């Protein structure tokens, strides 16, 4: 499907944003694991559930946007 350069760039930015959010969520999961295991801080379910849902969700959004970009061509 042909799209304008601006539309293509917007979709590319959405994919990049989703990938960065996925990486951030993964970093936060590792950070919280470090705090619980090394610093003996209390385990908080809310944090784990939030980041645990966000990581695969944003990763999935990134993959879908990348697949969508493959089908597009710039006019």
PDB file of N, CA and C in Angstrom:
ATOM      1  N   UNK A   1       0.845  -1.163   0.000  1.00  0.00           N
ATOM      2  CA  UNK A   1       0.000   0.000   0.000  1.00  0.00           C
ATOM      3  C   UNK A   1       0.900   1.239   0.000  1.00  0.00           C
ATOM      4  N   UNK A   2       0.552   2.214  -0.816  1.00  0.00           N
ATOM      5  CA  UNK A   2       1.346   3.430  -0.912  1.00  0.00           C
ATOM      6  C   UNK A   2       0.841   4.464   0.092  1.00  0.00           C
ATOM      7  N   UNK A   3       1.774   5.071   0.798  1.00  0.00           N
ATOM      8  CA  UNK A   3       1.451   6.131   1.751  1.00  0.00           C
ATOM      9  C   UNK A   3       2.432   7.273   1.539  1.00  0.00           C
ATOM     10  N   UNK A   4       2.095   8.417   2.083  1.00  0.00           N
ATOM     11  CA  UNK A   4       2.995   9.563   1.970  1.00  0.00           C
ATOM     12  C   UNK A   4       4.188   9.358   2.906  1.00  0.00           C
ATOM     13  N   UNK A   5       5.231  10.119   2.657  1.00  0.00           N
ATOM     14  CA  UNK A   5       6.437  10.008   3.485  1.00  0.00           C
ATOM     15  C   UNK A   5       6.129  10.360   4.938  1.00  0.00           C
ATOM     16  N   UNK A   6       5.238  11.339   5.162  1.00  0.00           N
ATOM     17  CA  UNK A   6       4.879  11.728   6.531  1.00  0.00           C
ATOM     18  C   UNK A   6       4.163  10.585   7.253  1.00  0.00           C
ATOM     19  N   UNK A   7       3.212   9.944   6.586  1.00  0.00           N
ATOM     20  CA  UNK A   7       2.498   8.824   7.199  1.00  0.00           C
ATOM     21  C   UNK A   7       3.462   7.681   7.531  1.00  0.00           C
ATOM     22  N   UNK A   8       4.374   7.409   6.610  1.00  0.00           N
ATOM     23  CA  UNK A   8       5.350   6.339   6.840  1.00  0.00           C
ATOM     24  C   UNK A   8       6.227   6.669   8.044  1.00  0.00           C
ATOM     25  N   UNK A   9       6.668   7.926   8.122  1.00  0.00           N
ATOM     26  CA  UNK A   9       7.506   8.359   9.238  1.00  0.00           C
ATOM     27  C   UNK A   9       6.735   8.281  10.558  1.00  0.00           C
ATOM     28  N   UNK A  10       5.451   8.641  10.534  1.00  0.00           N
ATOM     29  CA  UNK A  10       4.626   8.548  11.741  1.00  0.00           C
ATOM     30  C   UNK A  10       4.516   7.106  12.226  1.00  0.00           C
ATOM     31  N   UNK A  11       4.286   6.187  11.304  1.00  0.00           N
ATOM     32  CA  UNK A  11       4.186   4.771  11.684  1.00  0.00           C
ATOM     33  C   UNK A  11       5.526   4.251  12.195  1.00  0.00           C
ATOM     34  N   UNK A  12       6.607   4.723  11.594  1.00  0.00           N
ATOM     35  CA  UNK A  12       7.942   4.320  12.041  1.00  0.00           C
ATOM     36  C   UNK A  12       8.204   4.850  13.458  1.00  0.00           C
ATOM     37  N   UNK A  13       7.772   6.077  13.721  1.00  0.00           N
ATOM     38  CA  UNK A  13       7.929   6.644  15.063  1.00  0.00           C
ATOM     39  C   UNK A  13       7.093   5.894  16.090  1.00  0.00           C
ATOM     40  N   UNK A  14       5.900   5.445  15.702  1.00  0.00           N
ATOM     41  CA  UNK A  14       5.068   4.658  16.616  1.00  0.00           C
ATOM     42  C   UNK A  14       5.756   3.346  16.964  1.00  0.00           C
ATOM     43  N   UNK A  15       6.342   2.705  15.966  1.00  0.00           N
ATOM     44  CA  UNK A  15       7.046   1.442  16.208  1.00  0.00           C
ATOM     45  C   UNK A  15       8.250   1.662  17.112  1.00  0.00           C
ATOM     46  N   UNK A  16       8.995   2.735  16.871  1.00  0.00           N
ATOM     47  CA  UNK A  16      10.165   3.026  17.704  1.00  0.00           C
ATOM     48  C   UNK A  16       9.747   3.329  19.132  1.00  0.00           C
ATOM     49  N   UNK A  17       8.679   4.088  19.301  1.00  0.00           N
ATOM     50  CA  UNK A  17       8.182   4.390  20.637  1.00  0.00           C
ATOM     51  C   UNK A  17       7.757   3.144  21.397  1.00  0.00           C
ATOM     52  N   UNK A  18       7.077   2.248  20.715  1.00  0.00           N
ATOM     53  CA  UNK A  18       6.645   1.002  21.357  1.00  0.00           C
ATOM     54  C   UNK A  18       7.858   0.159  21.761  1.00  0.00           C
ATOM     55  N   UNK A  19       8.880   0.120  20.915  1.00  0.00           N
ATOM     56  CA  UNK A  19      10.086  -0.632  21.250  1.00  0.00           C
ATOM     57  C   UNK A  19      10.785  -0.019  22.455  1.00  0.00           C
ATOM     58  N   UNK A  20      10.884   1.303  22.507  1.00  0.00           N
ATOM     59  CA  UNK A  20      11.522   1.959  23.647  1.00  0.00           C
ATOM     60  C   UNK A  20      10.748   1.729  24.941  1.00  0.00           C
ATOM     61  N   UNK A  21       9.417   1.747  24.865  1.00  0.00           N
ATOM     62  CA  UNK A  21       8.602   1.465  26.055  1.00  0.00           C
ATOM     63  C   UNK A  21       8.790   0.026  26.514  1.00  0.00           C
ATOM     64  N   UNK A  22       8.928  -0.891  25.575  1.00  0.00           N
ATOM     65  CA  UNK A  22       9.170  -2.287  25.907  1.00  0.00           C
ATOM     66  C   UNK A  22      10.509  -2.447  26.617  1.00  0.00           C
ATOM     67  N   UNK A  23      11.526  -1.772  26.109  1.00  0.00           N
ATOM     68  CA  UNK A  23      12.854  -1.829  26.737  1.00  0.00           C
ATOM     69  C   UNK A  23      12.806  -1.210  28.128  1.00  0.00           C
ATOM     70  N   UNK A  24      12.104  -0.085  28.276  1.00  0.00           N
ATOM     71  CA  UNK A  24      11.955   0.545  29.587  1.00  0.00           C
ATOM     72  C   UNK A  24      11.280  -0.403  30.580  1.00  0.00           C
ATOM     73  N   UNK A  25      10.220  -1.069  30.139  1.00  0.00           N
ATOM     74  CA  UNK A  25       9.516  -2.010  31.015  1.00  0.00           C
ATOM     75  C   UNK A  25      10.441  -3.149  31.425  1.00  0.00           C
ATOM     76  N   UNK A  26      11.248  -3.649  30.516  1.00  0.00           N
ATOM     77  CA  UNK A  26      12.185  -4.724  30.849  1.00  0.00           C
ATOM     78  C   UNK A  26      13.233  -4.244  31.846  1.00  0.00           C
ATOM     79  N   UNK A  27      13.734  -3.029  31.667  1.00  0.00           N
ATOM     80  CA  UNK A  27      14.702  -2.463  32.617  1.00  0.00           C
ATOM     81  C   UNK A  27      14.072  -2.326  33.992  1.00  0.00           C
ATOM     82  N   UNK A  28      12.826  -1.879  34.049  1.00  0.00           N
ATOM     83  CA  UNK A  28      12.152  -1.721  35.337  1.00  0.00           C
ATOM     84  C   UNK A  28      11.905  -3.068  36.005  1.00  0.00           C
ATOM     85  N   UNK A  29      11.614  -4.104  35.232  1.00  0.00           N
ATOM     86  CA  UNK A  29      11.448  -5.443  35.810  1.00  0.00           C
ATOM     87  C   UNK A  29      12.750  -5.891  36.451  1.00  0.00           C
ATOM     88  N   UNK A  30      13.869  -5.704  35.754  1.00  0.00           N
ATOM     89  CA  UNK A  30      15.188  -6.079  36.295  1.00  0.00           C
ATOM     90  C   UNK A  30      15.503  -5.240  37.528  1.00  0.00           C
ATOM     91  N   UNK A  31      15.228  -3.939  37.478  1.00  0.00           N
ATOM     92  CA  UNK A  31      15.482  -3.054  38.611  1.00  0.00           C
ATOM     93  C   UNK A  31      14.683  -3.486  39.835  1.00  0.00           C
ATOM     94  N   UNK A  32      13.405  -3.801  39.659  1.00  0.00           N
ATOM     95  CA  UNK A  32      12.583  -4.234  40.792  1.00  0.00           C
ATOM     96  C   UNK A  32      13.049  -5.586  41.321  1.00  0.00           C
ATOM     97  N   UNK A  33      13.464  -6.466  40.438  1.00  0.00           N
ATOM     98  CA  UNK A  33      13.992  -7.757  40.896  1.00  0.00           C
ATOM     99  C   UNK A  33      15.242  -7.535  41.741  1.00  0.00           C
ATOM    100  N   UNK A  34      16.104  -6.629  41.315  1.00  0.00           N
ATOM    101  CA  UNK A  34      17.309  -6.310  42.090  1.00  0.00           C
ATOM    102  C   UNK A  34      16.935  -5.765  43.461  1.00  0.00           C
ATOM    103  N   UNK A  35      15.959  -4.851  43.508  1.00  0.00           N
ATOM    104  CA  UNK A  35      15.567  -4.277  44.789  1.00  0.00           C
ATOM    105  C   UNK A  35      14.980  -5.321  45.730  1.00  0.00           C
ATOM    106  N   UNK A  36      14.196  -6.237  45.196  1.00  0.00           N
ATOM    107  CA  UNK A  36      13.582  -7.253  46.048  1.00  0.00           C
ATOM    108  C   UNK A  36      14.624  -8.269  46.522  1.00  0.00           C
ATOM    109  N   UNK A  37      15.487  -8.730  45.606  1.00  0.00           N
ATOM    110  CA  UNK A  37      16.427  -9.788  45.947  1.00  0.00           C
ATOM    111  C   UNK A  37      17.655  -9.289  46.701  1.00  0.00           C
ATOM    112  N   UNK A  38      18.224  -8.170  46.308  1.00  0.00           N
ATOM    113  CA  UNK A  38      19.471  -7.685  46.909  1.00  0.00           C
ATOM    114  C   UNK A  38      19.205  -6.757  48.085  1.00  0.00           C
ATOM    115  N   UNK A  39      18.313  -5.806  47.909  1.00  0.00           N
ATOM    116  CA  UNK A  39      18.062  -4.816  48.958  1.00  0.00           C
ATOM    117  C   UNK A  39      16.984  -5.243  49.945  1.00  0.00           C
ATOM    118  N   UNK A  40      16.421  -6.411  49.760  1.00  0.00           N
ATOM    119  CA  UNK A  40      15.394  -6.968  50.644  1.00  0.00           C
ATOM    120  C   UNK A  40      14.215  -6.022  50.854  1.00  0.00           C
ATOM    121  N   UNK A  41      13.829  -5.333  49.797  1.00  0.00           N
ATOM    122  CA  UNK A  41      12.641  -4.491  49.894  1.00  0.00           C
ATOM    123  C   UNK A  41      11.408  -5.372  49.735  1.00  0.00           C
ATOM    124  N   UNK A  42      10.257  -4.908  50.237  1.00  0.00           N
ATOM    125  CA  UNK A  42       9.043  -5.726  50.135  1.00  0.00           C
ATOM    126  C   UNK A  42       8.619  -5.932  48.682  1.00  0.00           C
ATOM    127  N   UNK A  43       8.079  -7.095  48.447  1.00  0.00           N
ATOM    128  CA  UNK A  43       7.581  -7.445  47.120  1.00  0.00           C
ATOM    129  C   UNK A  43       6.246  -6.753  46.901  1.00  0.00           C
ATOM    130  N   UNK A  44       6.115  -5.979  45.835  1.00  0.00           N
ATOM    131  CA  UNK A  44       4.880  -5.256  45.556  1.00  0.00           C
ATOM    132  C   UNK A  44       4.258  -5.792  44.271  1.00  0.00           C
ATOM    133  N   UNK A  45       3.112  -6.447  44.417  1.00  0.00           N
ATOM    134  CA  UNK A  45       2.448  -7.049  43.275  1.00  0.00           C
ATOM    135  C   UNK A  45       2.065  -6.025  42.208  1.00  0.00           C
ATOM    136  N   UNK A  46       1.666  -4.822  42.648  1.00  0.00           N
ATOM    137  CA  UNK A  46       1.203  -3.815  41.692  1.00  0.00           C
ATOM    138  C   UNK A  46       2.284  -3.473  40.673  1.00  0.00           C
ATOM    139  N   UNK A  47       3.505  -3.318  41.135  1.00  0.00           N
ATOM    140  CA  UNK A  47       4.604  -3.001  40.225  1.00  0.00           C
ATOM    141  C   UNK A  47       4.850  -4.137  39.239  1.00  0.00           C
ATOM    142  N   UNK A  48       4.882  -5.346  39.748  1.00  0.00           N
ATOM    143  CA  UNK A  48       5.190  -6.493  38.892  1.00  0.00           C
ATOM    144  C   UNK A  48       4.101  -6.731  37.864  1.00  0.00           C
ATOM    145  N   UNK A  49       2.865  -6.575  38.281  1.00  0.00           N
ATOM    146  CA  UNK A  49       1.766  -6.774  37.346  1.00  0.00           C
ATOM    147  C   UNK A  49       1.799  -5.695  36.268  1.00  0.00           C
ATOM    148  N   UNK A  50       2.014  -4.446  36.679  1.00  0.00           N
ATOM    149  CA  UNK A  50       2.048  -3.341  35.722  1.00  0.00           C
ATOM    150  C   UNK A  50       3.151  -3.495  34.689  1.00  0.00           C
ATOM    151  N   UNK A  51       4.375  -3.700  35.148  1.00  0.00           N
ATOM    152  CA  UNK A  51       5.496  -3.836  34.212  1.00  0.00           C
ATOM    153  C   UNK A  51       5.418  -5.156  33.456  1.00  0.00           C
ATOM    154  N   UNK A  52       4.909  -6.192  34.109  1.00  0.00           N
ATOM    155  CA  UNK A  52       4.782  -7.496  33.457  1.00  0.00           C
ATOM    156  C   UNK A  52       3.780  -7.501  32.314  1.00  0.00           C
ATOM    157  N   UNK A  53       2.765  -6.660  32.427  1.00  0.00           N
ATOM    158  CA  UNK A  53       1.797  -6.529  31.339  1.00  0.00           C
ATOM    159  C   UNK A  53       2.332  -5.584  30.266  1.00  0.00           C
ATOM    160  N   UNK A  54       3.012  -4.541  30.703  1.00  0.00           N
ATOM    161  CA  UNK A  54       3.487  -3.533  29.754  1.00  0.00           C
ATOM    162  C   UNK A  54       4.555  -4.082  28.814  1.00  0.00           C
ATOM    163  N   UNK A  55       5.475  -4.903  29.322  1.00  0.00           N
ATOM    164  CA  UNK A  55       6.564  -5.397  28.472  1.00  0.00           C
ATOM    165  C   UNK A  55       6.055  -6.198  27.274  1.00  0.00           C
ATOM    166  N   UNK A  56       5.288  -7.274  27.487  1.00  0.00           N
ATOM    167  CA  UNK A  56       4.826  -8.018  26.299  1.00  0.00           C
ATOM    168  C   UNK A  56       3.849  -7.212  25.447  1.00  0.00           C
ATOM    169  N   UNK A  57       3.065  -6.339  26.087  1.00  0.00           N
ATOM    170  CA  UNK A  57       2.120  -5.527  25.322  1.00  0.00           C
ATOM    171  C   UNK A  57       2.825  -4.590  24.362  1.00  0.00           C
ATOM    172  N   UNK A  58       3.814  -3.870  24.843  1.00  0.00           N
ATOM    173  CA  UNK A  58       4.549  -2.937  23.989  1.00  0.00           C
ATOM    174  C   UNK A  58       5.398  -3.682  22.956  1.00  0.00           C
ATOM    175  N   UNK A  59       5.930  -4.840  23.346  1.00  0.00           N
ATOM    176  CA  UNK A  59       6.710  -5.634  22.395  1.00  0.00           C
ATOM    177  C   UNK A  59       5.818  -6.102  21.254  1.00  0.00           C
ATOM    178  N   UNK A  60       4.603  -6.517  21.581  1.00  0.00           N
ATOM    179  CA  UNK A  60       3.648  -6.945  20.560  1.00  0.00           C
ATOM    180  C   UNK A  60       3.268  -5.785  19.647  1.00  0.00           C
ATOM    181  N   UNK A  61       3.041  -4.609  20.230  1.00  0.00           N
ATOM    182  CA  UNK A  61       2.713  -3.435  19.418  1.00  0.00           C
ATOM    183  C   UNK A  61       3.864  -3.129  18.461  1.00  0.00           C
ATOM    184  N   UNK A  62       5.093  -3.203  18.943  1.00  0.00           N
ATOM    185  CA  UNK A  62       6.258  -2.950  18.097  1.00  0.00           C
ATOM    186  C   UNK A  62       6.312  -3.932  16.931  1.00  0.00           C
ATOM    187  N   UNK A  63       6.115  -5.224  17.212  1.00  0.00           N
ATOM    188  CA  UNK A  63       6.159  -6.233  16.151  1.00  0.00           C
ATOM    189  C   UNK A  63       5.061  -5.993  15.111  1.00  0.00           C
ATOM    190  N   UNK A  64       3.855  -5.637  15.568  1.00  0.00           N
ATOM    191  CA  UNK A  64       2.762  -5.373  14.640  1.00  0.00           C
ATOM    192  C   UNK A  64       3.055  -4.151  13.773  1.00  0.00           C
ATOM    193  N   UNK A  65       3.614  -3.109  14.363  1.00  0.00           N
ATOM    194  CA  UNK A  65       3.946  -1.905  13.592  1.00  0.00           C
ATOM    195  C   UNK A  65       5.052  -2.195  12.584  1.00  0.00           C
ATOM    196  N   UNK A  66       6.037  -2.987  12.961  1.00  0.00           N
ATOM    197  CA  UNK A  66       7.109  -3.340  12.030  1.00  0.00           C
ATOM    198  C   UNK A  66       6.561  -4.157  10.858  1.00  0.00           C
ATOM    199  N   UNK A  67       5.657  -5.070  11.141  1.00  0.00           N
ATOM    200  CA  UNK A  67       5.041  -5.869  10.083  1.00  0.00           C
ATOM    201  C   UNK A  67       4.217  -4.980   9.154  1.00  0.00           C
ATOM    202  N   UNK A  68       3.532  -4.004   9.737  1.00  0.00           N
ATOM    203  CA  UNK A  68       2.733  -3.075   8.943  1.00  0.00           C
ATOM    204  C   UNK A  68       3.642  -2.223   8.054  1.00  0.00           C
ATOM    205  N   UNK A  69       4.801  -1.840   8.552  1.00  0.00           N
ATOM    206  CA  UNK A  69       5.730  -1.025   7.765  1.00  0.00           C
ATOM    207  C   UNK A  69       6.265  -1.787   6.555  1.00  0.00           C
ATOM    208  N   UNK A  70       6.413  -3.094   6.685  1.00  0.00           N
ATOM    209  CA  UNK A  70       6.923  -3.893   5.570  1.00  0.00           C
ATOM    210  C   UNK A  70       5.963  -3.873   4.377  1.00  0.00           C
ATOM    211  N   UNK A  71       4.668  -3.723   4.676  1.00  0.00           N
ATOM    212  CA  UNK A  71       3.655  -3.733   3.610  1.00  0.00           C
ATOM    213  C   UNK A  71       3.489  -2.373   2.937  1.00  0.00           C
ATOM    214  N   UNK A  72       4.111  -1.344   3.484  1.00  0.00           N
ATOM    215  CA  UNK A  72       3.903   0.011   2.967  1.00  0.00           C
ATOM    216  C   UNK A  72       5.048   0.410   2.037  1.00  0.00           C
ATOM    217  N   UNK A  73       4.719   1.228   1.076  1.00  0.00           N
ATOM    218  CA  UNK A  73       5.728   1.858   0.224  1.00  0.00           C
ATOM    219  C   UNK A  73       5.447   3.358   0.204  1.00  0.00           C
ATOM    220  N   UNK A  74       6.517   4.106   0.063  1.00  0.00           N
ATOM    221  CA  UNK A  74       6.398   5.560   0.069  1.00  0.00           C
ATOM    222  C   UNK A  74       6.090   6.047  -1.340  1.00  0.00           C
ATOM    223  N   UNK A  75       5.155   6.970  -1.445  1.00  0.00           N
ATOM    224  CA  UNK A  75       4.780   7.516  -2.755  1.00  0.00           C
ATOM    225  C   UNK A  75       5.906   8.339  -3.326  1.00  0.00           C
TER     226      UNK A  75
END
